[in-house]
Amino acid sequence: MNVSRAGRRTLAGLLRALSVAGLGVFVGSMLTEGFVLVPFWRSLPASDFFTWYAANDRRLLGFFGPITAMAALLTVAAAAFSLWARESGRWFALIAAVLLVAVVLMFSLYFHQANASFAAATIGAQDLPAELGCWARWHWARTALSLGALAAALLSLRRAP
């Protein structure tokens, strides 16, 4: 592909800006989940929580899945094109991508199984508060990494010419 240096820089800059936008939406959704949904879940009796989660599991995945995918794809593309264009903000773009890939991997490491156990109500009612506490800690770790990715993406914009 024979693209001029100016063209590479323009494309890299556009992708970095879109990455910041995607990460902003993603971080906002993560903060909302942590500050609104998790306290709501923890306030419910176990039977009500399991009923609610089973009824809304697909909705949660349908909402968070595309937002996560969009943010991840834009952030990885921004890093790749910034590296290709040798932009001065490329290292921050790369940090943002690495952090967001870690966030995505955490879903496979913990959340996929935990969410399935909530939907299927395979956790004992007496064990639910502890499991929701564990879920919340994993969630806040993901949220912190996501905020770090957003900060790095913003710095990648600031460093670019």
Protein backbone atom coordinates (compact mmCIF):
# COMPACT_ATOMS: atom_id res chain seq x y z
CA MET A 1 0.00 0.00 0.00
CA ASN A 2 1.57 3.25 -1.13
CA VAL A 3 0.14 5.94 1.14
CA SER A 4 1.82 9.30 1.62
CA ARG A 5 3.23 10.27 4.99
CA ALA A 6 0.53 12.95 5.31
CA GLY A 7 -2.16 10.39 4.49
CA ARG A 8 -0.83 7.96 7.11
CA ARG A 9 -0.73 10.73 9.70
CA THR A 10 -4.27 11.84 8.86
CA LEU A 11 -5.60 8.30 9.13
CA ALA A 12 -3.71 7.65 12.36
CA GLY A 13 -5.01 10.92 13.85
CA LEU A 14 -8.59 10.12 12.85
CA LEU A 15 -8.34 6.67 14.41
CA ARG A 16 -6.85 8.08 17.61
CA ALA A 17 -9.73 10.56 17.87
CA LEU A 18 -12.28 7.79 17.24
CA SER A 19 -10.48 5.65 19.81
CA VAL A 20 -10.87 8.39 22.43
CA ALA A 21 -14.57 8.65 21.60
CA GLY A 22 -15.06 4.88 21.76
CA LEU A 23 -13.13 4.63 25.01
CA GLY A 24 -15.16 7.49 26.48
CA VAL A 25 -18.40 5.65 25.78
CA PHE A 26 -16.94 2.39 27.09
CA VAL A 27 -15.59 3.95 30.30
CA GLY A 28 -18.92 5.70 30.85
CA SER A 29 -20.75 2.39 30.55
CA MET A 30 -18.31 0.71 32.93
CA LEU A 31 -18.75 3.48 35.50
CA THR A 32 -22.52 3.28 35.19
CA GLU A 33 -22.43 -0.47 35.68
CA GLY A 34 -20.24 -0.09 38.75
CA PHE A 35 -22.12 2.78 40.36
CA VAL A 36 -25.69 1.80 39.39
CA LEU A 37 -26.08 -1.88 38.51
CA VAL A 38 -23.73 -3.45 41.04
CA PRO A 39 -25.26 -1.67 44.07
CA PHE A 40 -28.72 -2.55 42.76
CA TRP A 41 -27.75 -6.22 42.41
CA ARG A 42 -26.24 -6.27 45.89
CA SER A 43 -29.45 -4.81 47.34
CA LEU A 44 -31.62 -7.64 46.02
CA PRO A 45 -32.42 -10.87 47.83
CA ALA A 46 -30.69 -13.80 46.09
CA SER A 47 -33.86 -15.15 44.48
CA ASP A 48 -34.74 -11.73 43.04
CA PHE A 49 -31.19 -11.21 41.80
CA PHE A 50 -31.12 -14.58 40.01
CA THR A 51 -34.53 -13.90 38.45
CA TRP A 52 -33.44 -10.42 37.32
CA TYR A 53 -30.11 -11.64 35.97
CA ALA A 54 -31.63 -14.54 34.04
CA ALA A 55 -34.15 -12.15 32.47
CA ASN A 56 -31.50 -9.55 31.55
CA ASP A 57 -28.35 -11.54 30.81
CA ARG A 58 -28.78 -11.30 27.02
CA ARG A 59 -29.59 -7.59 27.25
CA LEU A 60 -26.41 -6.93 29.22
CA LEU A 61 -24.33 -8.83 26.68
CA GLY A 62 -26.15 -7.12 23.82
CA PHE A 63 -25.36 -3.72 25.31
CA PHE A 64 -21.83 -4.18 26.61
CA GLY A 65 -20.60 -6.51 23.84
CA PRO A 66 -20.78 -4.02 20.95
CA ILE A 67 -19.49 -1.12 23.08
CA THR A 68 -16.52 -3.22 24.18
CA ALA A 69 -15.82 -4.47 20.66
CA MET A 70 -16.05 -0.97 19.18
CA ALA A 71 -13.67 0.49 21.77
CA ALA A 72 -11.22 -2.39 21.40
CA LEU A 73 -11.18 -2.35 17.60
CA LEU A 74 -10.78 1.42 17.39
CA THR A 75 -8.06 1.48 20.04
CA VAL A 76 -6.05 -1.35 18.48
CA ALA A 77 -6.44 0.19 15.02
CA ALA A 78 -5.35 3.58 16.35
CA ALA A 79 -2.23 2.04 17.88
CA ALA A 80 -1.40 0.06 14.74
CA PHE A 81 -1.82 3.02 12.40
CA SER A 82 0.02 5.36 14.77
CA LEU A 83 2.95 2.96 14.86
CA TRP A 84 2.82 2.61 11.07
CA ALA A 85 2.76 6.38 10.63
CA ARG A 86 5.49 6.82 13.27
CA GLU A 87 3.39 9.41 15.04
CA SER A 88 4.82 11.00 18.17
CA GLY A 89 1.75 9.82 20.13
CA ARG A 90 2.18 6.21 19.02
CA TRP A 91 3.52 4.91 22.35
CA PHE A 92 0.55 6.26 24.27
CA ALA A 93 -1.76 4.78 21.64
CA LEU A 94 -0.01 1.45 22.11
CA ILE A 95 -0.38 1.66 25.90
CA ALA A 96 -4.10 2.36 25.45
CA ALA A 97 -4.44 -0.69 23.19
CA VAL A 98 -2.54 -2.99 25.56
CA LEU A 99 -4.66 -1.86 28.52
CA LEU A 100 -7.89 -2.38 26.61
CA VAL A 101 -6.82 -5.81 25.38
CA ALA A 102 -6.21 -6.71 29.04
CA VAL A 103 -9.75 -5.50 29.84
CA VAL A 104 -11.18 -7.69 27.08
CA LEU A 105 -9.16 -10.70 28.23
CA MET A 106 -10.48 -10.27 31.76
CA PHE A 107 -13.96 -11.03 30.43
CA SER A 108 -12.77 -14.47 29.32
CA LEU A 109 -10.75 -15.03 32.48
CA TYR A 110 -13.53 -14.29 34.95
CA PHE A 111 -16.73 -12.63 33.78
CA HIS A 112 -17.86 -15.15 31.17
CA GLN A 113 -18.14 -17.94 33.76
CA ALA A 114 -19.34 -15.70 36.60
CA ASN A 115 -22.10 -14.19 34.47
CA ALA A 116 -23.18 -17.63 33.26
CA SER A 117 -23.39 -18.82 36.87
CA PHE A 118 -25.56 -15.82 37.73
CA ALA A 119 -27.89 -16.47 34.79
CA ALA A 120 -28.17 -20.18 35.60
CA ALA A 121 -28.41 -19.55 39.38
CA THR A 122 -25.74 -22.15 40.07
CA ILE A 123 -24.39 -20.20 43.04
CA GLY A 124 -25.90 -20.87 46.42
CA ALA A 125 -27.95 -18.00 47.87
CA GLN A 126 -25.61 -17.87 50.87
CA ASP A 127 -22.58 -17.54 48.54
CA LEU A 128 -24.06 -14.81 46.35
CA PRO A 129 -22.96 -11.78 48.44
CA ALA A 130 -19.33 -12.97 48.39
CA GLU A 131 -19.49 -13.70 44.67
CA LEU A 132 -20.99 -10.29 43.92
CA GLY A 133 -18.19 -8.76 46.00
CA CYS A 134 -15.62 -10.65 43.92
CA TRP A 135 -17.43 -9.63 40.72
CA ALA A 136 -17.35 -5.99 41.84
CA ARG A 137 -13.60 -6.12 42.55
CA TRP A 138 -12.90 -7.59 39.10
CA HIS A 139 -15.19 -4.97 37.59
CA TRP A 140 -13.41 -2.06 39.30
CA ALA A 141 -10.05 -3.46 38.19
CA ARG A 142 -11.36 -3.50 34.61
CA THR A 143 -12.74 0.00 35.05
CA ALA A 144 -9.38 1.28 36.33
CA LEU A 145 -7.58 -0.27 33.33
CA SER A 146 -10.20 1.27 31.04
CA LEU A 147 -9.66 4.69 32.58
CA GLY A 148 -5.92 4.21 32.08
CA ALA A 149 -6.55 3.33 28.44
CA LEU A 150 -8.65 6.47 28.00
CA ALA A 151 -5.95 8.63 29.61
CA ALA A 152 -3.28 7.10 27.37
CA ALA A 153 -5.47 7.60 24.28
CA LEU A 154 -5.99 11.24 25.22
CA LEU A 155 -2.23 11.65 25.66
CA SER A 156 -1.70 10.09 22.24
CA LEU A 157 -3.82 12.88 20.76
CA ARG A 158 -1.96 15.55 22.69
CA ARG A 159 1.46 14.25 21.62
CA ALA A 160 0.60 14.08 17.95
CA PRO A 161 1.34 17.08 15.74
